[in-house]
Amino acid sequence: MEKVLKIAKQYSITSNISLDLRNKIDGASMIAKILFEESTDINFFIGNAINPVHDDSNSHISYTIKLGIIRELEKILSDMGKNVKVSMC
């Protein structure tokens, strides 16, 4: 999702990045293309279960970071005119 957010930030500046996404087959590019070009309503369901892998002191992933990424995506997508809803499960 970090890569999707990076693409979203670029897209919000240029609004022309879709040309670069057209032939890419990596997951982040495919998700970004769907979110930017094909979606009108987007629902994010965020789980709050603790993943033991993320508890490792060497891991840089945390619930706060994940939620921050989703909140930034929510703002960018809303600015694009998308209806975005974030639900905590």
C-alpha atoms as a PDB file:
ATOM      1  CA  MET A   1       0.000   0.000   0.000  1.00  0.00           C
ATOM      2  CA  GLU A   2       2.996   2.281   0.481  1.00  0.00           C
ATOM      3  CA  LYS A   3       3.710   2.030  -3.242  1.00  0.00           C
ATOM      4  CA  VAL A   4       0.052   2.718  -4.065  1.00  0.00           C
ATOM      5  CA  LEU A   5       0.253   5.850  -1.901  1.00  0.00           C
ATOM      6  CA  LYS A   6       3.434   6.946  -3.691  1.00  0.00           C
ATOM      7  CA  ILE A   7       1.711   6.510  -7.066  1.00  0.00           C
ATOM      8  CA  ALA A   8      -1.365   8.362  -5.748  1.00  0.00           C
ATOM      9  CA  LYS A   9       0.773  11.324  -4.684  1.00  0.00           C
ATOM     10  CA  GLN A  10       2.359  11.478  -8.140  1.00  0.00           C
ATOM     11  CA  TYR A  11      -1.029  11.105  -9.795  1.00  0.00           C
ATOM     12  CA  SER A  12      -2.527  13.925  -7.742  1.00  0.00           C
ATOM     13  CA  ILE A  13       0.223  16.257  -8.970  1.00  0.00           C
ATOM     14  CA  THR A  14       0.276  15.341 -12.677  1.00  0.00           C
ATOM     15  CA  SER A  15      -3.074  13.604 -13.317  1.00  0.00           C
ATOM     16  CA  ASN A  16      -1.319  11.921 -16.235  1.00  0.00           C
ATOM     17  CA  ILE A  17       0.390   8.997 -14.581  1.00  0.00           C
ATOM     18  CA  SER A  18      -2.309   6.663 -15.886  1.00  0.00           C
ATOM     19  CA  LEU A  19      -0.338   6.405 -19.115  1.00  0.00           C
ATOM     20  CA  ASP A  20       2.500   4.879 -17.108  1.00  0.00           C
ATOM     21  CA  LEU A  21       0.132   2.482 -15.339  1.00  0.00           C
ATOM     22  CA  ARG A  22      -1.469   1.089 -18.469  1.00  0.00           C
ATOM     23  CA  ASN A  23       1.076  -1.652 -19.172  1.00  0.00           C
ATOM     24  CA  LYS A  24       2.418  -2.275 -15.676  1.00  0.00           C
ATOM     25  CA  ILE A  25       1.507  -5.573 -14.059  1.00  0.00           C
ATOM     26  CA  ASP A  26       2.869  -5.120 -10.531  1.00  0.00           C
ATOM     27  CA  GLY A  27       0.242  -5.197  -7.787  1.00  0.00           C
ATOM     28  CA  ALA A  28       0.553  -1.565  -6.717  1.00  0.00           C
ATOM     29  CA  SER A  29       0.170  -0.249 -10.268  1.00  0.00           C
ATOM     30  CA  MET A  30      -2.830  -2.475 -10.906  1.00  0.00           C
ATOM     31  CA  ILE A  31      -4.514  -1.368  -7.651  1.00  0.00           C
ATOM     32  CA  ALA A  32      -3.741   2.280  -8.422  1.00  0.00           C
ATOM     33  CA  LYS A  33      -5.223   2.006 -11.917  1.00  0.00           C
ATOM     34  CA  ILE A  34      -8.431   0.510 -10.497  1.00  0.00           C
ATOM     35  CA  LEU A  35      -8.672   3.148  -7.736  1.00  0.00           C
ATOM     36  CA  PHE A  36      -7.936   6.127 -10.007  1.00  0.00           C
ATOM     37  CA  GLU A  37      -9.643   5.172 -13.252  1.00  0.00           C
ATOM     38  CA  GLU A  38     -12.327   2.580 -12.584  1.00  0.00           C
ATOM     39  CA  SER A  39     -13.687   3.255  -9.094  1.00  0.00           C
ATOM     40  CA  THR A  40     -16.250   5.748  -7.899  1.00  0.00           C
ATOM     41  CA  ASP A  41     -16.871   4.322  -4.424  1.00  0.00           C
ATOM     42  CA  ILE A  42     -14.055   2.841  -2.343  1.00  0.00           C
ATOM     43  CA  ASN A  43     -14.382   1.045   0.991  1.00  0.00           C
ATOM     44  CA  PHE A  44     -11.298   0.305   3.083  1.00  0.00           C
ATOM     45  CA  PHE A  45     -11.787  -2.266   5.851  1.00  0.00           C
ATOM     46  CA  ILE A  46      -8.960  -1.968   8.358  1.00  0.00           C
ATOM     47  CA  GLY A  47      -8.434  -4.807  10.799  1.00  0.00           C
ATOM     48  CA  ASN A  48      -6.910  -4.051  14.166  1.00  0.00           C
ATOM     49  CA  ALA A  49      -5.667  -7.535  15.015  1.00  0.00           C
ATOM     50  CA  ILE A  50      -2.037  -7.636  16.029  1.00  0.00           C
ATOM     51  CA  ASN A  51       0.142  -9.514  13.582  1.00  0.00           C
ATOM     52  CA  PRO A  52       2.957 -11.251  15.515  1.00  0.00           C
ATOM     53  CA  VAL A  53       5.347 -10.579  12.637  1.00  0.00           C
ATOM     54  CA  HIS A  54       4.795  -6.850  13.094  1.00  0.00           C
ATOM     55  CA  ASP A  55       5.636  -7.096  16.791  1.00  0.00           C
ATOM     56  CA  ASP A  56       9.217  -7.950  15.915  1.00  0.00           C
ATOM     57  CA  SER A  57      11.429  -5.059  16.977  1.00  0.00           C
ATOM     58  CA  ASN A  58      13.186  -5.211  13.580  1.00  0.00           C
ATOM     59  CA  SER A  59       9.935  -4.709  11.691  1.00  0.00           C
ATOM     60  CA  HIS A  60       9.121  -1.198  10.494  1.00  0.00           C
ATOM     61  CA  ILE A  61       5.413  -1.943  10.004  1.00  0.00           C
ATOM     62  CA  SER A  62       2.951  -0.828  12.640  1.00  0.00           C
ATOM     63  CA  TYR A  63      -0.778  -0.350  12.864  1.00  0.00           C
ATOM     64  CA  THR A  64      -0.260   3.406  13.134  1.00  0.00           C
ATOM     65  CA  ILE A  65       1.796   3.477   9.950  1.00  0.00           C
ATOM     66  CA  LYS A  66      -0.730   1.334   8.071  1.00  0.00           C
ATOM     67  CA  LEU A  67      -3.596   3.535   9.217  1.00  0.00           C
ATOM     68  CA  GLY A  68      -1.654   6.657   8.232  1.00  0.00           C
ATOM     69  CA  ILE A  69      -1.163   5.298   4.720  1.00  0.00           C
ATOM     70  CA  ILE A  70      -4.877   4.570   4.375  1.00  0.00           C
ATOM     71  CA  ARG A  71      -5.806   8.030   5.708  1.00  0.00           C
ATOM     72  CA  GLU A  72      -3.482   9.702   3.185  1.00  0.00           C
ATOM     73  CA  LEU A  73      -4.963   7.587   0.393  1.00  0.00           C
ATOM     74  CA  GLU A  74      -8.449   8.495   1.609  1.00  0.00           C
ATOM     75  CA  LYS A  75      -7.633  12.212   1.328  1.00  0.00           C
ATOM     76  CA  ILE A  76      -6.105  11.939  -2.146  1.00  0.00           C
ATOM     77  CA  LEU A  77      -8.940   9.778  -3.448  1.00  0.00           C
ATOM     78  CA  SER A  78     -11.549  12.123  -1.946  1.00  0.00           C
ATOM     79  CA  ASP A  79      -9.807  15.052  -3.635  1.00  0.00           C
ATOM     80  CA  MET A  80     -10.193  13.124  -6.914  1.00  0.00           C
ATOM     81  CA  GLY A  81     -13.943  13.062  -6.333  1.00  0.00           C
ATOM     82  CA  LYS A  82     -14.140   9.463  -5.125  1.00  0.00           C
ATOM     83  CA  ASN A  83     -16.543   8.451  -2.351  1.00  0.00           C
ATOM     84  CA  VAL A  84     -14.245   6.888   0.240  1.00  0.00           C
ATOM     85  CA  LYS A  85     -15.212   5.146   3.462  1.00  0.00           C
ATOM     86  CA  VAL A  86     -12.767   3.748   6.021  1.00  0.00           C
ATOM     87  CA  SER A  87     -14.123   1.157   8.458  1.00  0.00           C
ATOM     88  CA  MET A  88     -12.251  -0.247  11.414  1.00  0.00           C
ATOM     89  CA  CYS A  89     -13.006  -3.930  11.949  1.00  0.00           C
END
